[in-house]
Amino acid sequence: MLFQSPTIHLRNFTKCRVGVWIQFTASISSLKVVWRKDPILDQAIENDKQWRCCARVIKEVLNEPGQVIPLRYLEKRRERLRLLIRIKTFLSRNPGLLDTYFARIKPKSEPVKFLRASDGLRRFLEEERRIIHENEPLIVAKLCKLLMISKDKVISADKLVHVKREFGLPNDFLVNLVPKYPEYFRLSGSPGEGQSFLELVSWNPEFAKSVIERRAEEEARATGIRVRPSFNVKLPPGFFLTKEMREWIRDWMELDYISPYFDVSHLDQASPEMEKRTVGVFHELLSLSLFKRVPVPILGKFTEEYRFSNAFSSVFTRHSGIFYLSLKGGIKTAMLREAYKDDELIDRDPLVEIKDRFLELLAAGHRERAEQLKSQTEAVQEGMEMMARAEKLRSQKEAVQKGMEMIARAEPLRSQKEAIQKNMEMIAMRIDELDGPDFGEKF
């Protein structure tokens, strides 16, 4: 290697008595903090559930040859995609992502429905490439930092591929990004075969500053006073620590901050300084991640490279004022508290703009679906009104028809009445003749 990482020389904890030092060292692994659920930070994970599900489906289609797939093939992969609804339902709920068309799987087979990227999705993919290109220096710095933190400044390429989504690395970073920067990276072996490694070629001092160190420098420039690098500790409301734990944290906070980029190979794994360094490493890794949170199983893949203990996940509960260990979705996820305000991410990575553009695409599709549902509702409402008017007209027609029938039935009675009236008038006239003056003379 063409570099050597700086070595830290720690004072032998002179601020504490020897007895306290022994107790402090021996009690790290025995200290227990009861895990407490934080519904607000859990909601931050829940908020991303829908778009992540959509992204998995899209990725499945785009990874197919020609970026097309028969609908029935995708339907069979629902369980692997963790999709709880049918593909047809997914398409109707998320219009604008995929287009359907008919084609033959084999030359002589019957045409079946295929899925392909919509025009809107293709425009998003172009926008994604633009954002990645604009932030390439940031991506290079991230990759360098991940290597610089590691013990031997080398990490399995397959492991990095596995975590690329968490840190915002492009899908093709090993093929197109790494070869462009031979001054930083050396790739050995063949990725995908489990025997390939990415090695750091040169050490950049600018990259060897952690988020906490940069923050201290910014505060010092703003105030003109030297600021000691330290963690932001903020316990959630209602969180309770025992007296023993409070004393332990107080003493631990008095320890000097240890940069994750320092060589600490001489430190005892069970020492308080190593605990301080481990917390610093997790803080830096979460700060480098896109959403300031990483599933614990993914962090566990780097146990050897970053010198984590087997019980490293207990760090997140032991330092609940710095981290939160979410169990949302049945997966342990380490979250950086200071990066969130309520359930909103406030420490935003520039690459999060990709997610924003994807959400805009989803929102456009949802608006389209809402308009379709509105049009359908209006059409149904109009149909109901037309049916009501038709029903009213039918009732009126029936009333008229009934009236006509009654008139028809009344016509013979009227004729009979007229005939009777006429006969009555004739009889009256006859009576009048009989009562006349000539009647007496005749008799």
Protein backbone atom coordinates (compact mmCIF):
# COMPACT_ATOMS: atom_id res chain seq x y z
CA MET A 1 0.00 0.00 0.00
CA LEU A 2 1.05 3.56 -0.68
CA PHE A 3 -0.29 4.97 2.55
CA GLN A 4 -0.33 4.53 6.27
CA SER A 5 -3.29 5.49 8.44
CA PRO A 6 -2.56 7.71 11.45
CA THR A 7 -2.14 6.03 14.81
CA ILE A 8 -3.83 7.39 17.91
CA HIS A 9 -1.92 7.53 21.20
CA LEU A 10 -4.37 7.71 24.07
CA ARG A 11 -3.76 8.92 27.55
CA ASN A 12 -4.23 6.15 30.06
CA PHE A 13 -7.56 7.58 31.23
CA THR A 14 -5.90 9.96 33.69
CA LYS A 15 -9.15 11.72 34.53
CA CYS A 16 -10.40 8.73 36.50
CA ARG A 17 -9.03 6.81 39.43
CA VAL A 18 -7.52 3.37 38.87
CA GLY A 19 -10.41 1.72 40.69
CA VAL A 20 -12.92 3.39 38.45
CA TRP A 21 -10.87 2.40 35.40
CA ILE A 22 -10.98 -1.28 36.38
CA GLN A 23 -14.73 -1.11 37.06
CA PHE A 24 -15.31 0.80 33.83
CA THR A 25 -13.38 -1.71 31.74
CA ALA A 26 -14.94 -4.76 33.28
CA SER A 27 -18.52 -3.52 33.19
CA ILE A 28 -18.93 -2.60 29.51
CA SER A 29 -20.24 -5.98 28.43
CA SER A 30 -22.33 -6.42 31.58
CA LEU A 31 -24.20 -3.11 31.33
CA LYS A 32 -27.75 -3.62 30.16
CA VAL A 33 -30.14 -1.01 28.84
CA VAL A 34 -33.76 -1.96 28.31
CA TRP A 35 -34.80 -1.44 24.70
CA ARG A 36 -37.60 1.08 24.34
CA LYS A 37 -39.73 1.49 21.26
CA ASP A 38 -39.69 4.88 19.52
CA PRO A 39 -42.91 5.06 17.42
CA ILE A 40 -41.85 8.31 15.74
CA LEU A 41 -38.60 6.90 14.32
CA ASP A 42 -40.38 3.66 13.46
CA GLN A 43 -42.75 5.76 11.37
CA ALA A 44 -39.78 7.03 9.34
CA ILE A 45 -39.21 3.45 8.18
CA GLU A 46 -42.93 2.91 7.60
CA ASN A 47 -43.07 6.04 5.42
CA ASP A 48 -40.64 4.46 2.96
CA LYS A 49 -42.44 1.13 2.78
CA GLN A 50 -44.57 1.84 -0.29
CA TRP A 51 -41.93 3.33 -2.57
CA ARG A 52 -39.42 0.65 -1.63
CA CYS A 53 -41.96 -2.00 -2.65
CA CYS A 54 -42.45 -0.24 -6.00
CA ALA A 55 -38.67 0.01 -6.44
CA ARG A 56 -38.26 -3.75 -5.93
CA VAL A 57 -40.81 -4.50 -8.66
CA ILE A 58 -39.23 -2.01 -11.06
CA LYS A 59 -35.75 -3.40 -10.40
CA GLU A 60 -37.02 -6.91 -11.16
CA VAL A 61 -38.32 -5.79 -14.57
CA LEU A 62 -35.23 -3.74 -15.45
CA ASN A 63 -32.91 -6.65 -14.62
CA GLU A 64 -34.61 -8.85 -17.25
CA PRO A 65 -33.12 -9.25 -20.75
CA GLY A 66 -34.44 -6.39 -22.86
CA GLN A 67 -35.98 -4.94 -19.68
CA VAL A 68 -39.28 -6.70 -20.42
CA ILE A 69 -41.02 -9.57 -18.65
CA PRO A 70 -44.26 -11.55 -19.13
CA LEU A 71 -46.81 -10.48 -16.56
CA ARG A 72 -47.41 -14.07 -15.44
CA TYR A 73 -43.68 -14.57 -14.77
CA LEU A 74 -43.62 -11.54 -12.51
CA GLU A 75 -46.76 -12.81 -10.78
CA LYS A 76 -44.87 -15.96 -9.76
CA ARG A 77 -42.18 -13.85 -8.07
CA ARG A 78 -44.53 -11.96 -5.74
CA GLU A 79 -43.38 -13.83 -2.64
CA ARG A 80 -39.72 -13.09 -3.31
CA LEU A 81 -40.59 -9.44 -3.96
CA ARG A 82 -42.59 -9.36 -0.69
CA LEU A 83 -45.60 -8.10 -2.68
CA LEU A 84 -48.88 -8.84 -0.92
CA ILE A 85 -51.17 -7.97 -3.84
CA ARG A 86 -51.51 -9.35 -7.36
CA ILE A 87 -49.47 -7.74 -10.13
CA LYS A 88 -52.62 -6.50 -11.90
CA THR A 89 -53.70 -4.78 -8.68
CA PHE A 90 -50.22 -3.32 -8.26
CA LEU A 91 -50.35 -1.89 -11.80
CA SER A 92 -53.79 -0.37 -11.26
CA ARG A 93 -52.68 1.25 -7.98
CA ASN A 94 -49.42 2.56 -9.43
CA PRO A 95 -50.10 3.66 -13.01
CA GLY A 96 -47.33 5.33 -14.95
CA LEU A 97 -44.58 2.91 -13.89
CA LEU A 98 -44.99 0.04 -16.31
CA ASP A 99 -46.73 -0.32 -19.67
CA THR A 100 -48.47 -3.51 -20.80
CA TYR A 101 -48.42 -4.90 -24.33
CA PHE A 102 -48.99 -8.26 -26.03
CA ALA A 103 -46.15 -10.37 -27.45
CA ARG A 104 -45.22 -14.01 -27.94
CA ILE A 105 -42.88 -15.80 -25.55
CA LYS A 106 -42.09 -18.29 -28.31
CA PRO A 107 -42.55 -17.77 -32.07
CA LYS A 108 -45.58 -20.08 -32.35
CA SER A 109 -47.12 -19.42 -28.92
CA GLU A 110 -50.19 -17.33 -28.24
CA PRO A 111 -49.58 -13.64 -27.44
CA VAL A 112 -49.51 -12.87 -23.71
CA LYS A 113 -49.23 -9.70 -21.67
CA PHE A 114 -45.73 -8.30 -21.21
CA LEU A 115 -44.51 -5.46 -18.98
CA ARG A 116 -41.95 -2.78 -19.86
CA ALA A 117 -40.83 0.56 -18.48
CA SER A 118 -43.21 3.42 -19.18
CA ASP A 119 -42.07 6.68 -20.77
CA GLY A 120 -42.31 8.33 -17.36
CA LEU A 121 -40.09 5.67 -15.77
CA ARG A 122 -37.51 6.02 -18.56
CA ARG A 123 -37.38 9.77 -17.97
CA PHE A 124 -36.82 9.08 -14.26
CA LEU A 125 -33.94 6.69 -15.08
CA GLU A 126 -32.33 9.44 -17.15
CA GLU A 127 -32.75 11.84 -14.22
CA GLU A 128 -31.23 9.26 -11.88
CA ARG A 129 -28.14 8.98 -14.11
CA ARG A 130 -27.82 12.76 -14.14
CA ILE A 131 -27.96 13.01 -10.33
CA ILE A 132 -25.39 10.22 -9.93
CA HIS A 133 -23.06 11.89 -12.43
CA GLU A 134 -23.34 15.26 -10.67
CA ASN A 135 -22.55 13.65 -7.31
CA GLU A 136 -19.74 11.39 -8.50
CA PRO A 137 -17.11 13.12 -6.29
CA LEU A 138 -19.31 12.45 -3.26
CA ILE A 139 -19.68 8.79 -4.24
CA VAL A 140 -15.91 8.43 -4.69
CA ALA A 141 -15.34 10.00 -1.26
CA LYS A 142 -17.87 7.61 0.31
CA LEU A 143 -16.18 4.58 -1.22
CA CYS A 144 -12.78 5.80 -0.07
CA LYS A 145 -14.08 6.37 3.45
CA LEU A 146 -15.57 2.87 3.65
CA LEU A 147 -12.14 1.47 2.74
CA MET A 148 -10.21 3.87 5.00
CA ILE A 149 -12.23 2.83 8.06
CA SER A 150 -11.54 -0.85 7.45
CA LYS A 151 -8.72 -2.64 9.26
CA ASP A 152 -6.58 -3.48 6.22
CA LYS A 153 -7.99 -0.84 3.85
CA VAL A 154 -9.47 -3.59 1.69
CA ILE A 155 -13.02 -4.96 1.51
CA SER A 156 -14.63 -7.80 -0.41
CA ALA A 157 -16.11 -6.39 -3.62
CA ASP A 158 -19.12 -8.68 -3.25
CA LYS A 159 -19.85 -7.22 0.18
CA LEU A 160 -19.75 -3.70 -1.24
CA VAL A 161 -22.13 -4.73 -4.02
CA HIS A 162 -24.48 -6.08 -1.38
CA VAL A 163 -24.58 -2.73 0.49
CA LYS A 164 -24.54 -0.40 -2.54
CA ARG A 165 -28.19 0.58 -2.07
CA GLU A 166 -27.63 1.61 1.55
CA PHE A 167 -24.77 3.99 0.68
CA GLY A 168 -26.04 5.23 -2.67
CA LEU A 169 -23.39 3.51 -4.79
CA PRO A 170 -24.37 3.09 -8.48
CA ASN A 171 -25.28 -0.39 -9.69
CA ASP A 172 -22.25 -0.43 -12.00
CA PHE A 173 -19.75 1.23 -9.66
CA LEU A 174 -17.23 -1.62 -9.92
CA VAL A 175 -17.34 -1.56 -13.73
CA ASN A 176 -17.64 2.13 -14.57
CA LEU A 177 -16.64 4.12 -11.47
CA VAL A 178 -13.70 2.27 -9.92
CA PRO A 179 -11.58 2.09 -13.14
CA LYS A 180 -11.89 5.89 -13.55
CA TYR A 181 -10.00 6.49 -10.28
CA PRO A 182 -6.88 4.29 -10.27
CA GLU A 183 -5.27 6.76 -7.88
CA TYR A 184 -7.75 5.62 -5.21
CA PHE A 185 -8.89 2.08 -6.04
CA ARG A 186 -7.47 -1.26 -7.10
CA LEU A 187 -9.85 -4.12 -7.94
CA SER A 188 -8.49 -7.65 -7.80
CA GLY A 189 -10.22 -10.88 -8.77
CA SER A 190 -13.58 -11.25 -10.52
CA PRO A 191 -16.65 -9.72 -8.83
CA GLY A 192 -19.44 -12.20 -8.30
CA GLU A 193 -17.15 -15.15 -7.63
CA GLY A 194 -16.55 -14.35 -3.94
CA GLN A 195 -12.79 -13.86 -4.39
CA SER A 196 -12.66 -10.22 -5.53
CA PHE A 197 -11.50 -7.35 -3.37
CA LEU A 198 -11.44 -3.58 -3.59
CA GLU A 199 -8.28 -2.07 -2.17
CA LEU A 200 -7.47 1.51 -1.26
CA VAL A 201 -4.43 2.72 -3.20
CA SER A 202 -3.74 6.10 -1.61
CA TRP A 203 -4.78 7.91 1.55
CA ASN A 204 -6.52 11.27 1.18
CA PRO A 205 -6.29 13.29 4.43
CA GLU A 206 -9.39 15.30 3.44
CA PHE A 207 -11.45 12.11 3.45
CA ALA A 208 -10.04 11.10 6.86
CA LYS A 209 -12.21 13.57 8.77
CA SER A 210 -15.36 12.23 10.35
CA VAL A 211 -18.70 14.04 10.45
CA ILE A 212 -18.15 14.77 14.15
CA GLU A 213 -14.69 16.24 13.54
CA ARG A 214 -15.95 18.43 10.71
CA ARG A 215 -18.81 19.62 12.89
CA ALA A 216 -16.38 20.58 15.66
CA GLU A 217 -14.23 22.48 13.15
CA GLU A 218 -17.25 24.39 11.82
CA GLU A 219 -18.32 25.35 15.35
CA ALA A 220 -14.78 26.48 16.17
CA ARG A 221 -14.66 28.70 13.07
CA ALA A 222 -18.07 30.16 13.90
CA THR A 223 -17.32 30.87 17.57
CA GLY A 224 -13.57 31.39 17.52
CA ILE A 225 -13.29 28.87 20.36
CA ARG A 226 -11.72 25.43 20.10
CA VAL A 227 -14.51 22.85 20.24
CA ARG A 228 -13.90 19.32 21.42
CA PRO A 229 -15.30 16.67 19.01
CA SER A 230 -18.18 14.91 20.74
CA PHE A 231 -21.38 13.00 20.09
CA ASN A 232 -24.80 14.60 20.20
CA VAL A 233 -26.68 12.72 22.90
CA LYS A 234 -30.42 13.16 23.15
CA LEU A 235 -32.46 10.59 25.01
CA PRO A 236 -36.04 10.14 23.77
CA PRO A 237 -38.92 11.35 25.99
CA GLY A 238 -39.73 8.97 28.80
CA PHE A 239 -36.44 7.09 28.51
CA PHE A 240 -35.05 6.04 31.87
CA LEU A 241 -31.48 5.10 32.74
CA THR A 242 -30.37 3.49 35.98
CA LYS A 243 -27.95 5.36 38.20
CA GLU A 244 -25.18 2.92 37.30
CA MET A 245 -25.77 3.51 33.59
CA ARG A 246 -25.86 7.30 33.98
CA GLU A 247 -22.52 7.23 35.79
CA TRP A 248 -21.07 4.95 33.14
CA ILE A 249 -22.18 7.27 30.31
CA ARG A 250 -20.81 10.32 32.17
CA ASP A 251 -17.39 8.71 32.51
CA TRP A 252 -17.51 7.39 28.95
CA MET A 253 -18.32 10.82 27.54
CA GLU A 254 -15.19 12.19 29.27
CA LEU A 255 -13.02 9.96 27.10
CA ASP A 256 -11.35 11.62 24.12
CA TYR A 257 -13.13 11.17 20.80
CA ILE A 258 -11.39 8.57 18.64
CA SER A 259 -11.70 9.05 14.90
CA PRO A 260 -12.88 5.98 12.97
CA TYR A 261 -9.99 6.63 10.58
CA PHE A 262 -7.29 6.17 13.22
CA ASP A 263 -5.33 2.95 13.52
CA VAL A 264 -6.45 1.32 16.77
CA SER A 265 -4.93 -2.11 16.28
CA HIS A 266 -3.06 -1.70 19.60
CA LEU A 267 -6.29 -1.23 21.61
CA ASP A 268 -7.88 -3.99 23.65
CA GLN A 269 -11.24 -5.02 22.17
CA ALA A 270 -12.88 -4.73 25.62
CA SER A 271 -11.42 -1.35 26.53
CA PRO A 272 -13.52 1.82 26.95
CA GLU A 273 -11.48 3.47 24.19
CA MET A 274 -12.43 0.68 21.80
CA GLU A 275 -16.05 1.19 22.76
CA LYS A 276 -15.62 4.88 21.98
CA ARG A 277 -14.04 4.07 18.64
CA THR A 278 -16.77 1.53 17.79
CA VAL A 279 -19.49 4.09 18.48
CA GLY A 280 -17.56 6.51 16.27
CA VAL A 281 -17.38 3.96 13.46
CA PHE A 282 -21.12 3.28 13.61
CA HIS A 283 -21.84 7.00 13.73
CA GLU A 284 -19.68 7.55 10.62
CA LEU A 285 -21.15 4.58 8.73
CA LEU A 286 -24.71 5.72 9.43
CA SER A 287 -23.74 9.27 8.44
CA LEU A 288 -22.40 7.94 5.12
CA SER A 289 -25.59 6.01 4.44
CA LEU A 290 -28.35 7.53 2.34
CA PHE A 291 -31.07 7.60 4.98
CA LYS A 292 -28.86 7.59 8.09
CA ARG A 293 -30.02 4.10 8.93
CA VAL A 294 -28.72 0.64 8.01
CA PRO A 295 -30.11 -2.83 8.81
CA VAL A 296 -28.00 -4.50 11.49
CA PRO A 297 -27.46 -7.69 9.41
CA ILE A 298 -25.78 -5.55 6.73
CA LEU A 299 -23.48 -3.93 9.28
CA GLY A 300 -22.72 -7.42 10.56
CA LYS A 301 -21.19 -8.36 7.22
CA PHE A 302 -18.27 -6.06 8.04
CA THR A 303 -17.52 -7.43 11.51
CA GLU A 304 -14.02 -8.52 10.54
CA GLU A 305 -13.14 -5.50 8.38
CA TYR A 306 -14.24 -2.95 11.01
CA ARG A 307 -13.25 -4.98 14.09
CA PHE A 308 -16.76 -5.27 15.53
CA SER A 309 -17.37 -7.66 18.39
CA ASN A 310 -19.86 -10.50 17.97
CA ALA A 311 -22.30 -8.65 20.23
CA PHE A 312 -21.86 -5.33 18.41
CA SER A 313 -25.61 -4.65 18.14
CA SER A 314 -25.79 -4.05 21.91
CA VAL A 315 -23.93 -0.77 21.25
CA PHE A 316 -27.12 0.70 19.77
CA THR A 317 -29.16 0.11 22.92
CA ARG A 318 -26.30 0.95 25.27
CA HIS A 319 -26.01 4.35 23.56
CA SER A 320 -29.71 5.06 23.06
CA GLY A 321 -29.10 8.80 23.07
CA ILE A 322 -27.04 8.51 19.90
CA PHE A 323 -28.70 5.58 18.10
CA TYR A 324 -32.09 3.93 17.90
CA LEU A 325 -32.49 0.24 17.20
CA SER A 326 -35.75 -0.21 15.32
CA LEU A 327 -37.48 -3.58 15.05
CA LYS A 328 -39.92 -2.39 12.39
CA GLY A 329 -40.77 -5.04 9.82
CA GLY A 330 -39.08 -7.77 11.83
CA ILE A 331 -35.63 -6.43 10.89
CA LYS A 332 -33.21 -4.75 13.29
CA THR A 333 -32.27 -1.36 11.86
CA ALA A 334 -29.72 1.01 13.41
CA MET A 335 -30.76 4.67 13.08
CA LEU A 336 -28.88 7.88 13.82
CA ARG A 337 -31.07 9.99 16.10
CA GLU A 338 -29.52 13.37 15.30
CA ALA A 339 -30.31 12.93 11.59
CA TYR A 340 -34.08 12.99 12.22
CA LYS A 341 -36.62 15.50 13.42
CA ASP A 342 -39.67 13.50 14.36
CA ASP A 343 -40.11 11.06 11.44
CA GLU A 344 -38.49 13.35 8.84
CA LEU A 345 -34.89 13.06 7.68
CA ILE A 346 -33.21 16.45 8.16
CA ASP A 347 -29.61 15.44 7.45
CA ARG A 348 -30.21 14.79 3.76
CA ASP A 349 -27.66 13.18 1.49
CA PRO A 350 -27.59 14.84 -1.98
CA LEU A 351 -28.32 11.44 -3.53
CA VAL A 352 -31.69 11.35 -1.73
CA GLU A 353 -32.86 13.54 -4.62
CA ILE A 354 -33.22 10.29 -6.58
CA LYS A 355 -35.85 9.14 -4.10
CA ASP A 356 -37.59 12.52 -4.39
CA ARG A 357 -37.81 12.14 -8.17
CA PHE A 358 -39.16 8.61 -7.82
CA LEU A 359 -41.81 9.82 -5.37
CA GLU A 360 -42.78 12.50 -7.88
CA LEU A 361 -43.25 9.79 -10.51
CA LEU A 362 -45.41 7.78 -8.12
CA ALA A 363 -47.41 10.86 -7.17
CA ALA A 364 -48.06 11.65 -10.85
CA GLY A 365 -49.36 8.11 -11.32
CA HIS A 366 -51.52 8.36 -8.22
CA ARG A 367 -52.97 11.66 -9.47
CA GLU A 368 -53.73 9.99 -12.79
CA ARG A 369 -55.45 7.12 -10.98
CA ALA A 370 -57.38 9.60 -8.80
CA GLU A 371 -58.54 11.41 -11.95
CA GLN A 372 -59.59 8.10 -13.49
CA LEU A 373 -61.50 7.14 -10.35
CA LYS A 374 -63.08 10.60 -10.28
CA SER A 375 -64.13 10.28 -13.92
CA GLN A 376 -65.51 6.81 -13.25
CA THR A 377 -67.36 8.06 -10.18
CA GLU A 378 -68.77 10.99 -12.14
CA ALA A 379 -69.80 8.65 -14.97
CA VAL A 380 -71.52 6.33 -12.49
CA GLN A 381 -73.19 9.31 -10.83
CA GLU A 382 -74.37 10.64 -14.18
CA GLY A 383 -75.66 7.18 -15.08
CA MET A 384 -77.54 7.02 -11.79
CA GLU A 385 -79.07 10.43 -12.44
CA MET A 386 -80.09 9.40 -15.96
CA MET A 387 -81.63 6.25 -14.56
CA ALA A 388 -83.49 8.34 -11.96
CA ARG A 389 -84.78 10.68 -14.70
CA ALA A 390 -85.76 7.70 -16.85
CA GLU A 391 -87.53 6.16 -13.87
CA LYS A 392 -89.40 9.39 -13.32
CA LEU A 393 -90.38 9.57 -16.99
CA ARG A 394 -91.46 5.95 -16.89
CA SER A 395 -93.61 6.65 -13.85
CA GLN A 396 -95.12 9.65 -15.61
CA LYS A 397 -95.75 7.58 -18.72
CA GLU A 398 -97.38 4.89 -16.64
CA ALA A 399 -99.59 7.52 -14.96
CA VAL A 400 -100.60 8.91 -18.35
CA GLN A 401 -101.27 5.43 -19.64
CA LYS A 402 -103.39 4.67 -16.60
CA GLY A 403 -105.29 7.91 -17.11
CA MET A 404 -105.93 7.05 -20.73
CA GLU A 405 -107.19 3.64 -19.69
CA MET A 406 -109.51 5.22 -17.14
CA ILE A 407 -110.75 7.64 -19.78
CA ALA A 408 -111.26 4.75 -22.14
CA ARG A 409 -113.24 2.90 -19.52
CA ALA A 410 -115.23 6.04 -18.70
CA GLU A 411 -116.23 6.69 -22.37
CA PRO A 412 -118.92 3.95 -22.54
CA LEU A 413 -120.35 5.19 -19.24
CA ARG A 414 -120.45 8.73 -20.60
CA SER A 415 -122.28 7.53 -23.70
CA GLN A 416 -124.73 5.63 -21.56
CA LYS A 417 -125.17 8.68 -19.36
CA GLU A 418 -125.83 10.84 -22.43
CA ALA A 419 -128.35 8.33 -23.74
CA ILE A 420 -130.14 8.22 -20.40
CA GLN A 421 -130.07 12.01 -20.25
CA LYS A 422 -131.56 12.18 -23.71
CA ASN A 423 -134.28 9.69 -22.84
CA MET A 424 -135.06 11.63 -19.69
CA GLU A 425 -135.42 14.80 -21.74
CA MET A 426 -137.78 13.02 -24.20
CA ILE A 427 -139.89 11.71 -21.35
CA ALA A 428 -140.06 15.17 -19.84
CA MET A 429 -141.17 16.60 -23.15
CA ARG A 430 -143.83 13.93 -23.44
CA ILE A 431 -145.13 14.70 -19.99
CA ASP A 432 -145.28 18.36 -20.83
CA GLU A 433 -147.40 17.55 -23.89
CA LEU A 434 -149.81 15.49 -21.83
CA ASP A 435 -150.22 18.32 -19.33
CA GLY A 436 -151.02 20.92 -22.01
CA PRO A 437 -154.46 22.75 -22.48
CA ASP A 438 -155.60 20.49 -25.24
CA PHE A 439 -155.45 17.46 -23.01
CA GLY A 440 -158.70 18.35 -21.08
CA GLU A 441 -160.66 19.21 -24.17
CA LYS A 442 -159.90 15.82 -25.59
CA PHE A 443 -161.55 14.12 -22.63
